[in-house]
Amino acid sequence: MFQEIADLLTSDEVEDLRGLARGVKFVEGRITNPHSKVKNNLHADTRGLNHQQASELLGHALARHAQVSAFAFPKRMAPPVLTKYTVGMNYGVHADTAFIPMGTRPVRADLSCTIFLNPLEDYDGGELSVHLGSRALDFRLPPGGAVIYPSTTLHEVRPVTRGERLCGITFIESEIVDRVSRELLFEMNDVLAQEADRLSWDGITRLNYIRSSLQRQWGDAA
């Protein structure tokens, strides 16, 4: 299951991030995965001040957005990083690593997130392509939009053929480790939110009891 978020960032935040990106030093993306034969992109140098400001802005936007909380049940999140693809760059088919180094305990990558920052007319190609069996689902969203998807999914960034693709990426450790359990809870919460006006108070109470019990059983809040 995937979650598209059209308005993760405001237009002002998009402009701020693009401005910060102009002052970021971008380095070879393979630094984070030196054994990869399919990674051909650029990552922000995480030691720079502009990177830190951009990472905090993206992190705050993710933390405040109701759709992120509802879909991901986030417990921890890797610091977001700006990535850049120029003409000819791509990231071939891969699955994201299971654990992202962070402090004394790594972040388990249950969900991956791509945040789009460029106007669509500024570049061609560069679609985030998520493979589903024999088909692929392509994402290329307007600036400020984001997509969250399971980190276990095979996916790629298709080659950029014109212009420059600028995005933010991060990885989310969920309170609900099992993907199917997480998706069932998301669906239950969504139905409750949409149908609450049609249900009796007793019905809402009983469904909330089921929801809380399942979240307690499946959850990992430690």
N, C-alpha and C. Protein backbone atom coordinates (compact mmCIF):
# COMPACT_ATOMS: atom_id res chain seq x y z
N MET A 1 0.84 -1.19 0.00
CA MET A 1 0.00 0.00 0.00
C MET A 1 0.88 1.24 0.00
N PHE A 2 0.43 2.28 -0.68
CA PHE A 2 1.17 3.52 -0.80
C PHE A 2 0.30 4.67 -0.32
N GLN A 3 0.95 5.73 0.10
CA GLN A 3 0.22 6.92 0.51
C GLN A 3 0.82 8.12 -0.20
N GLU A 4 0.01 8.75 -1.07
CA GLU A 4 0.40 10.00 -1.70
C GLU A 4 -0.10 11.16 -0.85
N ILE A 5 0.76 12.14 -0.64
CA ILE A 5 0.40 13.34 0.13
C ILE A 5 0.68 14.54 -0.75
N ALA A 6 -0.38 15.21 -1.16
CA ALA A 6 -0.22 16.31 -2.13
C ALA A 6 0.37 17.55 -1.49
N ASP A 7 0.15 17.75 -0.21
CA ASP A 7 0.49 19.03 0.43
C ASP A 7 1.37 18.84 1.65
N LEU A 8 2.37 18.00 1.56
CA LEU A 8 3.26 17.83 2.71
C LEU A 8 3.94 19.15 3.05
N LEU A 9 4.36 19.88 2.01
CA LEU A 9 5.05 21.16 2.19
C LEU A 9 4.19 22.30 1.66
N THR A 10 4.29 23.45 2.29
CA THR A 10 3.67 24.66 1.75
C THR A 10 4.54 25.18 0.61
N SER A 11 3.98 26.09 -0.20
CA SER A 11 4.77 26.67 -1.29
C SER A 11 5.97 27.44 -0.76
N ASP A 12 5.80 28.11 0.38
CA ASP A 12 6.93 28.84 0.98
C ASP A 12 8.02 27.88 1.42
N GLU A 13 7.63 26.73 1.98
CA GLU A 13 8.63 25.75 2.41
C GLU A 13 9.37 25.17 1.21
N VAL A 14 8.66 24.94 0.11
CA VAL A 14 9.32 24.45 -1.10
C VAL A 14 10.37 25.44 -1.56
N GLU A 15 10.01 26.72 -1.59
CA GLU A 15 10.97 27.74 -2.02
C GLU A 15 12.15 27.82 -1.06
N ASP A 16 11.89 27.72 0.24
CA ASP A 16 12.98 27.74 1.22
C ASP A 16 13.93 26.57 0.98
N LEU A 17 13.37 25.40 0.72
CA LEU A 17 14.21 24.21 0.52
C LEU A 17 15.01 24.31 -0.77
N ARG A 18 14.41 24.83 -1.81
CA ARG A 18 15.15 25.00 -3.06
C ARG A 18 16.27 26.02 -2.89
N GLY A 19 15.99 27.07 -2.09
CA GLY A 19 17.04 28.03 -1.79
C GLY A 19 18.17 27.42 -1.00
N LEU A 20 17.83 26.62 0.01
CA LEU A 20 18.86 25.94 0.79
C LEU A 20 19.67 24.99 -0.08
N ALA A 21 18.99 24.31 -1.01
CA ALA A 21 19.68 23.36 -1.88
C ALA A 21 20.74 24.04 -2.73
N ARG A 22 20.51 25.30 -3.09
CA ARG A 22 21.51 26.01 -3.90
C ARG A 22 22.81 26.22 -3.13
N GLY A 23 22.74 26.20 -1.81
CA GLY A 23 23.94 26.36 -1.00
C GLY A 23 24.49 25.06 -0.44
N VAL A 24 23.89 23.93 -0.84
CA VAL A 24 24.33 22.62 -0.35
C VAL A 24 25.43 22.07 -1.25
N LYS A 25 26.41 21.46 -0.63
CA LYS A 25 27.42 20.71 -1.39
C LYS A 25 26.88 19.30 -1.60
N PHE A 26 26.71 18.91 -2.86
CA PHE A 26 26.23 17.57 -3.17
C PHE A 26 27.43 16.67 -3.49
N VAL A 27 27.38 15.45 -2.97
CA VAL A 27 28.47 14.50 -3.13
C VAL A 27 27.94 13.23 -3.79
N GLU A 28 28.86 12.39 -4.22
CA GLU A 28 28.52 11.13 -4.87
C GLU A 28 27.61 10.29 -3.98
N GLY A 29 26.45 9.90 -4.52
CA GLY A 29 25.47 9.16 -3.73
C GLY A 29 25.94 7.79 -3.29
N ARG A 30 26.90 7.22 -4.00
CA ARG A 30 27.37 5.88 -3.65
C ARG A 30 28.15 5.86 -2.34
N ILE A 31 28.43 7.03 -1.77
CA ILE A 31 29.08 7.07 -0.47
C ILE A 31 28.26 6.31 0.57
N THR A 32 26.93 6.39 0.47
CA THR A 32 26.06 5.71 1.43
C THR A 32 25.85 4.24 1.09
N ASN A 33 26.25 3.84 -0.11
CA ASN A 33 26.07 2.45 -0.53
C ASN A 33 27.17 2.11 -1.53
N PRO A 34 28.42 2.00 -1.06
CA PRO A 34 29.56 1.89 -1.96
C PRO A 34 29.58 0.63 -2.82
N HIS A 35 28.85 -0.39 -2.44
CA HIS A 35 28.86 -1.64 -3.20
C HIS A 35 27.76 -1.69 -4.27
N SER A 36 26.93 -0.65 -4.33
CA SER A 36 25.82 -0.66 -5.29
C SER A 36 26.34 -0.51 -6.72
N LYS A 37 25.78 -1.29 -7.62
CA LYS A 37 26.10 -1.17 -9.04
C LYS A 37 25.04 -0.40 -9.81
N VAL A 38 23.99 0.07 -9.09
CA VAL A 38 22.88 0.72 -9.80
C VAL A 38 22.62 2.15 -9.31
N LYS A 39 23.36 2.60 -8.30
CA LYS A 39 23.11 3.94 -7.73
C LYS A 39 23.95 4.97 -8.45
N ASN A 40 23.29 5.96 -9.04
CA ASN A 40 23.97 7.00 -9.79
C ASN A 40 23.26 8.32 -9.53
N ASN A 41 23.53 8.91 -8.36
CA ASN A 41 22.88 10.17 -8.00
C ASN A 41 23.79 10.96 -7.07
N LEU A 42 23.27 12.07 -6.57
CA LEU A 42 24.02 12.94 -5.67
C LEU A 42 23.24 13.11 -4.38
N HIS A 43 23.95 13.14 -3.25
CA HIS A 43 23.36 13.37 -1.94
C HIS A 43 23.95 14.63 -1.33
N ALA A 44 23.16 15.31 -0.51
CA ALA A 44 23.69 16.45 0.22
C ALA A 44 24.79 16.00 1.17
N ASP A 45 25.84 16.81 1.26
CA ASP A 45 26.88 16.59 2.26
C ASP A 45 26.26 16.88 3.62
N THR A 46 26.13 15.87 4.45
CA THR A 46 25.39 16.01 5.72
C THR A 46 26.13 16.84 6.76
N ARG A 47 27.36 17.26 6.46
CA ARG A 47 28.11 18.07 7.41
C ARG A 47 27.83 19.56 7.26
N GLY A 48 27.10 19.95 6.22
CA GLY A 48 26.89 21.37 5.95
C GLY A 48 25.70 21.94 6.71
N LEU A 49 25.76 23.25 6.99
CA LEU A 49 24.68 23.93 7.71
C LEU A 49 23.39 23.93 6.90
N ASN A 50 23.48 24.17 5.60
CA ASN A 50 22.27 24.18 4.77
C ASN A 50 21.58 22.82 4.79
N HIS A 51 22.37 21.75 4.79
CA HIS A 51 21.76 20.42 4.89
C HIS A 51 20.98 20.29 6.20
N GLN A 52 21.58 20.70 7.28
CA GLN A 52 20.92 20.57 8.59
C GLN A 52 19.60 21.33 8.62
N GLN A 53 19.60 22.54 8.06
CA GLN A 53 18.37 23.33 8.04
C GLN A 53 17.32 22.68 7.16
N ALA A 54 17.73 22.18 6.00
CA ALA A 54 16.78 21.51 5.10
C ALA A 54 16.23 20.24 5.75
N SER A 55 17.09 19.48 6.41
CA SER A 55 16.66 18.25 7.06
C SER A 55 15.64 18.54 8.16
N GLU A 56 15.89 19.57 8.95
CA GLU A 56 14.95 19.93 10.01
C GLU A 56 13.62 20.39 9.44
N LEU A 57 13.64 21.17 8.37
CA LEU A 57 12.39 21.64 7.75
C LEU A 57 11.57 20.45 7.25
N LEU A 58 12.22 19.53 6.55
CA LEU A 58 11.51 18.35 6.06
C LEU A 58 11.00 17.49 7.21
N GLY A 59 11.81 17.33 8.23
CA GLY A 59 11.40 16.52 9.38
C GLY A 59 10.19 17.10 10.08
N HIS A 60 10.16 18.42 10.27
CA HIS A 60 9.02 19.07 10.92
C HIS A 60 7.75 18.90 10.09
N ALA A 61 7.88 19.02 8.76
CA ALA A 61 6.71 18.86 7.89
C ALA A 61 6.14 17.45 8.00
N LEU A 62 7.00 16.45 8.03
CA LEU A 62 6.54 15.07 8.16
C LEU A 62 5.91 14.83 9.52
N ALA A 63 6.49 15.40 10.57
CA ALA A 63 5.99 15.17 11.92
C ALA A 63 4.62 15.79 12.16
N ARG A 64 4.31 16.88 11.46
CA ARG A 64 3.06 17.59 11.73
C ARG A 64 1.90 17.09 10.87
N HIS A 65 2.19 16.33 9.81
CA HIS A 65 1.14 16.02 8.84
C HIS A 65 0.30 14.82 9.29
N ALA A 66 -1.00 15.01 9.32
CA ALA A 66 -1.90 13.97 9.83
C ALA A 66 -1.86 12.70 8.99
N GLN A 67 -1.70 12.83 7.67
CA GLN A 67 -1.66 11.64 6.82
C GLN A 67 -0.43 10.79 7.11
N VAL A 68 0.68 11.41 7.42
CA VAL A 68 1.89 10.65 7.75
C VAL A 68 1.66 9.84 9.02
N SER A 69 1.11 10.50 10.04
CA SER A 69 0.85 9.80 11.31
C SER A 69 -0.14 8.67 11.13
N ALA A 70 -1.20 8.93 10.37
CA ALA A 70 -2.26 7.93 10.20
C ALA A 70 -1.77 6.71 9.42
N PHE A 71 -0.94 6.93 8.43
CA PHE A 71 -0.51 5.84 7.55
C PHE A 71 0.70 5.09 8.10
N ALA A 72 1.66 5.83 8.66
CA ALA A 72 2.95 5.23 9.02
C ALA A 72 3.06 4.81 10.48
N PHE A 73 2.23 5.35 11.38
CA PHE A 73 2.39 5.11 12.82
C PHE A 73 3.87 5.32 13.20
N PRO A 74 4.43 6.49 12.90
CA PRO A 74 5.88 6.66 13.05
C PRO A 74 6.35 6.61 14.49
N LYS A 75 7.44 5.92 14.71
CA LYS A 75 8.11 5.88 16.00
C LYS A 75 9.42 6.66 15.95
N ARG A 76 10.20 6.41 14.92
CA ARG A 76 11.45 7.13 14.71
C ARG A 76 11.61 7.37 13.22
N MET A 77 12.42 8.36 12.88
CA MET A 77 12.62 8.68 11.48
C MET A 77 14.08 9.07 11.26
N ALA A 78 14.66 8.59 10.19
CA ALA A 78 16.01 9.00 9.84
C ALA A 78 15.99 10.46 9.40
N PRO A 79 17.03 11.23 9.70
CA PRO A 79 17.07 12.62 9.26
C PRO A 79 16.92 12.70 7.74
N PRO A 80 15.94 13.46 7.23
CA PRO A 80 15.78 13.57 5.78
C PRO A 80 17.02 14.16 5.11
N VAL A 81 17.26 13.74 3.88
CA VAL A 81 18.43 14.17 3.11
C VAL A 81 17.97 14.61 1.73
N LEU A 82 18.55 15.70 1.23
CA LEU A 82 18.28 16.14 -0.14
C LEU A 82 19.08 15.27 -1.12
N THR A 83 18.42 14.89 -2.22
CA THR A 83 19.10 14.16 -3.28
C THR A 83 18.88 14.89 -4.60
N LYS A 84 19.85 14.73 -5.50
CA LYS A 84 19.77 15.42 -6.78
C LYS A 84 20.15 14.46 -7.90
N TYR A 85 19.42 14.56 -9.00
CA TYR A 85 19.71 13.80 -10.20
C TYR A 85 19.81 14.78 -11.36
N THR A 86 20.94 14.77 -12.04
CA THR A 86 21.09 15.57 -13.25
C THR A 86 20.93 14.66 -14.46
N VAL A 87 21.04 15.22 -15.66
CA VAL A 87 20.79 14.46 -16.88
C VAL A 87 21.66 13.20 -16.92
N GLY A 88 21.02 12.07 -17.17
CA GLY A 88 21.71 10.79 -17.26
C GLY A 88 21.77 10.02 -15.96
N MET A 89 21.44 10.67 -14.84
CA MET A 89 21.51 9.98 -13.55
C MET A 89 20.23 9.18 -13.30
N ASN A 90 20.38 8.10 -12.54
CA ASN A 90 19.24 7.26 -12.17
C ASN A 90 19.66 6.41 -10.97
N TYR A 91 18.68 5.66 -10.46
CA TYR A 91 18.97 4.69 -9.40
C TYR A 91 18.22 3.43 -9.80
N GLY A 92 18.96 2.42 -10.21
CA GLY A 92 18.35 1.20 -10.72
C GLY A 92 17.54 0.45 -9.68
N VAL A 93 16.94 -0.63 -10.09
CA VAL A 93 16.03 -1.39 -9.24
C VAL A 93 16.75 -1.88 -7.99
N HIS A 94 16.13 -1.62 -6.83
CA HIS A 94 16.74 -1.99 -5.56
C HIS A 94 15.66 -2.03 -4.48
N ALA A 95 15.98 -2.62 -3.35
CA ALA A 95 15.18 -2.51 -2.13
C ALA A 95 16.03 -1.77 -1.11
N ASP A 96 15.41 -0.94 -0.31
CA ASP A 96 16.16 -0.14 0.65
C ASP A 96 16.72 -1.01 1.77
N THR A 97 17.84 -0.54 2.32
CA THR A 97 18.49 -1.27 3.40
C THR A 97 17.57 -1.39 4.61
N ALA A 98 17.77 -2.41 5.41
CA ALA A 98 16.87 -2.67 6.54
C ALA A 98 17.07 -1.67 7.69
N PHE A 99 18.31 -1.23 7.90
CA PHE A 99 18.61 -0.36 9.04
C PHE A 99 19.44 0.83 8.59
N ILE A 100 19.06 2.02 9.08
CA ILE A 100 19.76 3.26 8.77
C ILE A 100 20.54 3.70 10.00
N PRO A 101 21.86 3.84 9.92
CA PRO A 101 22.63 4.26 11.10
C PRO A 101 22.14 5.61 11.64
N MET A 102 21.94 5.67 12.96
CA MET A 102 21.53 6.93 13.59
C MET A 102 21.81 6.84 15.08
N GLY A 103 22.77 7.60 15.56
CA GLY A 103 23.07 7.62 16.98
C GLY A 103 23.49 6.26 17.50
N THR A 104 22.99 5.93 18.69
CA THR A 104 23.38 4.67 19.33
C THR A 104 22.54 3.49 18.86
N ARG A 105 21.41 3.78 18.18
CA ARG A 105 20.56 2.69 17.68
C ARG A 105 20.06 3.04 16.29
N PRO A 106 20.25 2.15 15.32
CA PRO A 106 19.82 2.47 13.97
C PRO A 106 18.30 2.53 13.84
N VAL A 107 17.84 3.21 12.80
CA VAL A 107 16.42 3.26 12.47
C VAL A 107 16.09 2.08 11.58
N ARG A 108 15.10 1.29 11.96
CA ARG A 108 14.63 0.20 11.09
C ARG A 108 13.78 0.81 9.98
N ALA A 109 14.15 0.56 8.74
CA ALA A 109 13.43 1.15 7.61
C ALA A 109 12.21 0.31 7.27
N ASP A 110 11.08 0.65 7.86
CA ASP A 110 9.82 -0.01 7.52
C ASP A 110 9.18 0.66 6.30
N LEU A 111 9.30 1.98 6.24
CA LEU A 111 8.69 2.76 5.17
C LEU A 111 9.70 3.75 4.62
N SER A 112 9.65 3.96 3.33
CA SER A 112 10.49 4.95 2.67
C SER A 112 9.62 6.11 2.21
N CYS A 113 10.22 7.28 2.13
CA CYS A 113 9.46 8.48 1.75
C CYS A 113 10.27 9.32 0.79
N THR A 114 9.66 9.71 -0.31
CA THR A 114 10.25 10.63 -1.28
C THR A 114 9.41 11.89 -1.32
N ILE A 115 10.07 13.05 -1.22
CA ILE A 115 9.40 14.35 -1.21
C ILE A 115 9.89 15.13 -2.42
N PHE A 116 8.99 15.50 -3.30
CA PHE A 116 9.35 16.15 -4.56
C PHE A 116 9.44 17.66 -4.37
N LEU A 117 10.47 18.28 -4.99
CA LEU A 117 10.72 19.70 -4.78
C LEU A 117 10.76 20.53 -6.07
N ASN A 118 10.89 19.89 -7.22
CA ASN A 118 10.98 20.63 -8.48
C ASN A 118 9.62 20.75 -9.16
N PRO A 119 9.36 21.88 -9.83
CA PRO A 119 8.21 21.92 -10.74
C PRO A 119 8.37 20.86 -11.83
N LEU A 120 7.27 20.23 -12.20
CA LEU A 120 7.35 19.14 -13.17
C LEU A 120 7.90 19.59 -14.51
N GLU A 121 7.67 20.86 -14.87
CA GLU A 121 8.16 21.35 -16.16
C GLU A 121 9.67 21.58 -16.18
N ASP A 122 10.31 21.48 -15.01
CA ASP A 122 11.76 21.72 -14.93
C ASP A 122 12.60 20.52 -15.35
N TYR A 123 11.98 19.35 -15.44
CA TYR A 123 12.78 18.16 -15.79
C TYR A 123 11.89 17.10 -16.43
N ASP A 124 12.53 16.21 -17.17
CA ASP A 124 11.86 15.05 -17.75
C ASP A 124 12.49 13.79 -17.19
N GLY A 125 11.69 12.73 -17.10
CA GLY A 125 12.18 11.48 -16.51
C GLY A 125 12.20 11.61 -14.99
N GLY A 126 13.02 10.78 -14.36
CA GLY A 126 13.17 10.86 -12.92
C GLY A 126 12.00 10.34 -12.12
N GLU A 127 11.14 9.53 -12.73
CA GLU A 127 10.00 8.99 -11.98
C GLU A 127 10.47 8.01 -10.91
N LEU A 128 9.84 8.08 -9.74
CA LEU A 128 9.98 7.02 -8.76
C LEU A 128 9.08 5.89 -9.22
N SER A 129 9.68 4.75 -9.54
CA SER A 129 8.93 3.64 -10.11
C SER A 129 8.96 2.46 -9.14
N VAL A 130 7.80 2.13 -8.58
CA VAL A 130 7.69 1.06 -7.59
C VAL A 130 7.16 -0.19 -8.29
N HIS A 131 7.88 -1.28 -8.17
CA HIS A 131 7.54 -2.51 -8.89
C HIS A 131 6.54 -3.34 -8.08
N LEU A 132 5.48 -3.74 -8.76
CA LEU A 132 4.45 -4.58 -8.16
C LEU A 132 4.28 -5.81 -9.03
N GLY A 133 5.02 -6.84 -8.74
CA GLY A 133 4.97 -8.03 -9.57
C GLY A 133 5.49 -7.71 -10.97
N SER A 134 4.67 -7.96 -11.99
CA SER A 134 5.10 -7.74 -13.37
C SER A 134 4.82 -6.32 -13.86
N ARG A 135 4.31 -5.45 -12.98
CA ARG A 135 4.00 -4.07 -13.37
C ARG A 135 4.76 -3.10 -12.47
N ALA A 136 4.77 -1.84 -12.89
CA ALA A 136 5.41 -0.80 -12.09
C ALA A 136 4.46 0.38 -11.97
N LEU A 137 4.49 1.02 -10.81
CA LEU A 137 3.66 2.19 -10.54
C LEU A 137 4.59 3.39 -10.43
N ASP A 138 4.39 4.38 -11.32
CA ASP A 138 5.29 5.52 -11.39
C ASP A 138 4.72 6.72 -10.64
N PHE A 139 5.59 7.41 -9.89
CA PHE A 139 5.23 8.62 -9.16
C PHE A 139 6.12 9.76 -9.63
N ARG A 140 5.48 10.87 -9.96
CA ARG A 140 6.19 12.09 -10.33
C ARG A 140 5.27 13.24 -9.92
N LEU A 141 5.45 13.74 -8.71
CA LEU A 141 4.48 14.63 -8.10
C LEU A 141 4.92 16.09 -8.19
N PRO A 142 3.97 17.02 -8.14
CA PRO A 142 4.30 18.44 -8.10
C PRO A 142 5.08 18.77 -6.84
N PRO A 143 5.78 19.92 -6.83
CA PRO A 143 6.59 20.27 -5.67
C PRO A 143 5.76 20.36 -4.40
N GLY A 144 6.30 19.81 -3.31
CA GLY A 144 5.59 19.76 -2.04
C GLY A 144 4.85 18.47 -1.82
N GLY A 145 4.73 17.65 -2.86
CA GLY A 145 4.07 16.36 -2.74
C GLY A 145 5.03 15.28 -2.29
N ALA A 146 4.49 14.25 -1.68
CA ALA A 146 5.32 13.16 -1.17
C ALA A 146 4.60 11.83 -1.37
N VAL A 147 5.38 10.78 -1.40
CA VAL A 147 4.83 9.43 -1.45
C VAL A 147 5.56 8.58 -0.41
N ILE A 148 4.78 7.81 0.35
CA ILE A 148 5.33 6.88 1.35
C ILE A 148 5.00 5.46 0.89
N TYR A 149 5.98 4.58 0.96
CA TYR A 149 5.81 3.22 0.44
C TYR A 149 6.67 2.26 1.25
N PRO A 150 6.33 0.97 1.25
CA PRO A 150 7.10 0.00 2.04
C PRO A 150 8.56 -0.07 1.57
N SER A 151 9.49 -0.04 2.50
CA SER A 151 10.91 -0.08 2.16
C SER A 151 11.31 -1.41 1.55
N THR A 152 10.50 -2.43 1.75
CA THR A 152 10.79 -3.75 1.19
C THR A 152 10.46 -3.85 -0.29
N THR A 153 9.77 -2.85 -0.81
CA THR A 153 9.33 -2.90 -2.20
C THR A 153 10.50 -2.63 -3.15
N LEU A 154 10.62 -3.43 -4.21
CA LEU A 154 11.59 -3.13 -5.25
C LEU A 154 11.16 -1.85 -5.97
N HIS A 155 12.10 -0.92 -6.13
CA HIS A 155 11.78 0.35 -6.78
C HIS A 155 13.02 0.93 -7.44
N GLU A 156 12.83 1.97 -8.23
CA GLU A 156 13.94 2.61 -8.92
C GLU A 156 13.58 4.07 -9.18
N VAL A 157 14.59 4.86 -9.49
CA VAL A 157 14.38 6.20 -10.04
C VAL A 157 14.83 6.15 -11.49
N ARG A 158 13.91 6.41 -12.39
CA ARG A 158 14.22 6.31 -13.82
C ARG A 158 15.16 7.43 -14.24
N PRO A 159 15.90 7.25 -15.32
CA PRO A 159 16.88 8.25 -15.73
C PRO A 159 16.25 9.63 -15.99
N VAL A 160 16.94 10.66 -15.56
CA VAL A 160 16.56 12.03 -15.88
C VAL A 160 17.08 12.33 -17.28
N THR A 161 16.20 12.79 -18.16
CA THR A 161 16.59 13.05 -19.55
C THR A 161 16.70 14.54 -19.86
N ARG A 162 16.18 15.38 -18.98
CA ARG A 162 16.31 16.84 -19.15
C ARG A 162 16.18 17.51 -17.79
N GLY A 163 16.99 18.53 -17.54
CA GLY A 163 16.87 19.30 -16.32
C GLY A 163 17.46 18.60 -15.11
N GLU A 164 16.85 18.87 -13.96
CA GLU A 164 17.39 18.40 -12.69
C GLU A 164 16.24 18.00 -11.76
N ARG A 165 16.37 16.84 -11.15
CA ARG A 165 15.38 16.33 -10.20
C ARG A 165 15.92 16.55 -8.79
N LEU A 166 15.18 17.30 -7.98
CA LEU A 166 15.57 17.55 -6.59
C LEU A 166 14.49 16.99 -5.68
N CYS A 167 14.89 16.16 -4.74
CA CYS A 167 13.94 15.54 -3.82
C CYS A 167 14.55 15.46 -2.43
N GLY A 168 13.69 15.24 -1.45
CA GLY A 168 14.12 14.83 -0.13
C GLY A 168 13.74 13.39 0.09
N ILE A 169 14.55 12.65 0.83
CA ILE A 169 14.22 11.26 1.13
C ILE A 169 14.42 11.01 2.62
N THR A 170 13.65 10.07 3.15
CA THR A 170 13.86 9.62 4.52
C THR A 170 13.28 8.23 4.69
N PHE A 171 13.51 7.66 5.86
CA PHE A 171 13.05 6.31 6.18
C PHE A 171 12.40 6.34 7.56
N ILE A 172 11.29 5.63 7.69
CA ILE A 172 10.47 5.69 8.91
C ILE A 172 10.43 4.32 9.57
N GLU A 173 10.69 4.32 10.86
CA GLU A 173 10.48 3.12 11.69
C GLU A 173 9.10 3.24 12.31
N SER A 174 8.26 2.26 12.07
CA SER A 174 6.87 2.32 12.51
C SER A 174 6.67 1.62 13.85
N GLU A 175 5.69 2.10 14.60
CA GLU A 175 5.29 1.40 15.82
C GLU A 175 4.69 0.04 15.51
N ILE A 176 4.13 -0.11 14.30
CA ILE A 176 3.51 -1.37 13.87
C ILE A 176 4.47 -2.02 12.89
N VAL A 177 5.20 -3.03 13.36
CA VAL A 177 6.28 -3.60 12.56
C VAL A 177 5.74 -4.31 11.33
N ASP A 178 4.71 -5.11 11.50
CA ASP A 178 4.19 -5.92 10.40
C ASP A 178 3.42 -5.05 9.42
N ARG A 179 3.76 -5.16 8.15
CA ARG A 179 3.13 -4.31 7.13
C ARG A 179 1.63 -4.53 7.03
N VAL A 180 1.19 -5.79 7.02
CA VAL A 180 -0.24 -6.08 6.88
C VAL A 180 -1.01 -5.54 8.08
N SER A 181 -0.49 -5.75 9.28
CA SER A 181 -1.15 -5.23 10.48
C SER A 181 -1.26 -3.71 10.42
N ARG A 182 -0.18 -3.06 9.98
CA ARG A 182 -0.18 -1.60 9.88
C ARG A 182 -1.24 -1.12 8.89
N GLU A 183 -1.35 -1.80 7.78
CA GLU A 183 -2.33 -1.39 6.77
C GLU A 183 -3.76 -1.63 7.23
N LEU A 184 -3.98 -2.73 7.98
CA LEU A 184 -5.32 -2.98 8.51
C LEU A 184 -5.73 -1.91 9.52
N LEU A 185 -4.80 -1.51 10.38
CA LEU A 185 -5.11 -0.45 11.34
C LEU A 185 -5.37 0.87 10.64
N PHE A 186 -4.60 1.16 9.61
CA PHE A 186 -4.83 2.38 8.84
C PHE A 186 -6.24 2.39 8.24
N GLU A 187 -6.63 1.26 7.65
CA GLU A 187 -7.96 1.16 7.03
C GLU A 187 -9.06 1.31 8.09
N MET A 188 -8.89 0.66 9.24
CA MET A 188 -9.89 0.77 10.30
C MET A 188 -10.02 2.22 10.78
N ASN A 189 -8.88 2.88 10.98
CA ASN A 189 -8.93 4.28 11.41
C ASN A 189 -9.59 5.17 10.37
N ASP A 190 -9.31 4.88 9.11
CA ASP A 190 -9.88 5.70 8.03
C ASP A 190 -11.40 5.51 7.96
N VAL A 191 -11.85 4.28 8.07
CA VAL A 191 -13.30 4.02 8.06
C VAL A 191 -13.98 4.69 9.25
N LEU A 192 -13.37 4.58 10.43
CA LEU A 192 -13.94 5.23 11.61
C LEU A 192 -14.05 6.74 11.43
N ALA A 193 -13.03 7.33 10.84
CA ALA A 193 -13.05 8.78 10.63
C ALA A 193 -14.14 9.18 9.64
N GLN A 194 -14.34 8.37 8.61
CA GLN A 194 -15.32 8.72 7.57
C GLN A 194 -16.76 8.39 7.98
N GLU A 195 -16.94 7.34 8.79
CA GLU A 195 -18.28 6.84 9.07
C GLU A 195 -18.77 7.16 10.48
N ALA A 196 -18.00 7.90 11.26
CA ALA A 196 -18.35 8.14 12.66
C ALA A 196 -19.73 8.76 12.82
N ASP A 197 -20.11 9.65 11.92
CA ASP A 197 -21.41 10.32 12.03
C ASP A 197 -22.58 9.35 11.82
N ARG A 198 -22.35 8.22 11.22
CA ARG A 198 -23.42 7.26 10.93
C ARG A 198 -23.51 6.16 12.00
N LEU A 199 -22.51 6.09 12.87
CA LEU A 199 -22.47 5.02 13.86
C LEU A 199 -23.03 5.49 15.19
N SER A 200 -23.59 4.54 15.93
CA SER A 200 -24.02 4.85 17.29
C SER A 200 -22.81 5.02 18.19
N TRP A 201 -23.01 5.69 19.33
CA TRP A 201 -21.90 5.86 20.26
C TRP A 201 -21.39 4.51 20.75
N ASP A 202 -22.32 3.57 20.95
CA ASP A 202 -21.92 2.24 21.39
C ASP A 202 -21.05 1.57 20.33
N GLY A 203 -21.45 1.71 19.05
CA GLY A 203 -20.66 1.12 17.97
C GLY A 203 -19.27 1.73 17.89
N ILE A 204 -19.17 3.05 18.03
CA ILE A 204 -17.87 3.72 18.00
C ILE A 204 -17.00 3.24 19.16
N THR A 205 -17.60 3.12 20.34
CA THR A 205 -16.85 2.67 21.52
C THR A 205 -16.29 1.27 21.32
N ARG A 206 -17.10 0.38 20.77
CA ARG A 206 -16.65 -0.99 20.57
C ARG A 206 -15.55 -1.07 19.50
N LEU A 207 -15.70 -0.29 18.44
CA LEU A 207 -14.67 -0.29 17.41
C LEU A 207 -13.36 0.32 17.94
N ASN A 208 -13.48 1.35 18.77
CA ASN A 208 -12.28 1.94 19.37
C ASN A 208 -11.59 0.94 20.29
N TYR A 209 -12.40 0.13 20.98
CA TYR A 209 -11.83 -0.93 21.83
C TYR A 209 -11.05 -1.93 20.98
N ILE A 210 -11.61 -2.33 19.85
CA ILE A 210 -10.92 -3.27 18.96
C ILE A 210 -9.64 -2.64 18.42
N ARG A 211 -9.74 -1.39 17.98
CA ARG A 211 -8.59 -0.71 17.41
C ARG A 211 -7.46 -0.60 18.44
N SER A 212 -7.78 -0.16 19.63
CA SER A 212 -6.75 0.00 20.66
C SER A 212 -6.14 -1.34 21.06
N SER A 213 -6.98 -2.36 21.13
CA SER A 213 -6.48 -3.69 21.51
C SER A 213 -5.52 -4.23 20.45
N LEU A 214 -5.88 -4.06 19.18
CA LEU A 214 -5.00 -4.53 18.11
C LEU A 214 -3.69 -3.73 18.07
N GLN A 215 -3.79 -2.42 18.26
CA GLN A 215 -2.59 -1.60 18.24
C GLN A 215 -1.67 -1.98 19.41
N ARG A 216 -2.27 -2.28 20.54
CA ARG A 216 -1.48 -2.71 21.71
C ARG A 216 -0.83 -4.07 21.43
N GLN A 217 -1.55 -4.96 20.77
CA GLN A 217 -1.03 -6.30 20.49
C GLN A 217 0.07 -6.27 19.42
N TRP A 218 -0.15 -5.47 18.39
CA TRP A 218 0.78 -5.45 17.27
C TRP A 218 1.89 -4.42 17.43
N GLY A 219 1.70 -3.46 18.33
CA GLY A 219 2.59 -2.32 18.38
C GLY A 219 3.90 -2.58 19.11
N ASP A 220 4.87 -1.74 18.79
CA ASP A 220 6.19 -1.78 19.41
C ASP A 220 6.57 -0.33 19.71
N ALA A 221 6.22 0.14 20.87
CA ALA A 221 6.44 1.54 21.21
C ALA A 221 7.73 1.77 21.98
N ALA A 222 8.51 0.72 22.22
CA ALA A 222 9.74 0.85 23.02
C ALA A 222 10.79 1.64 22.28
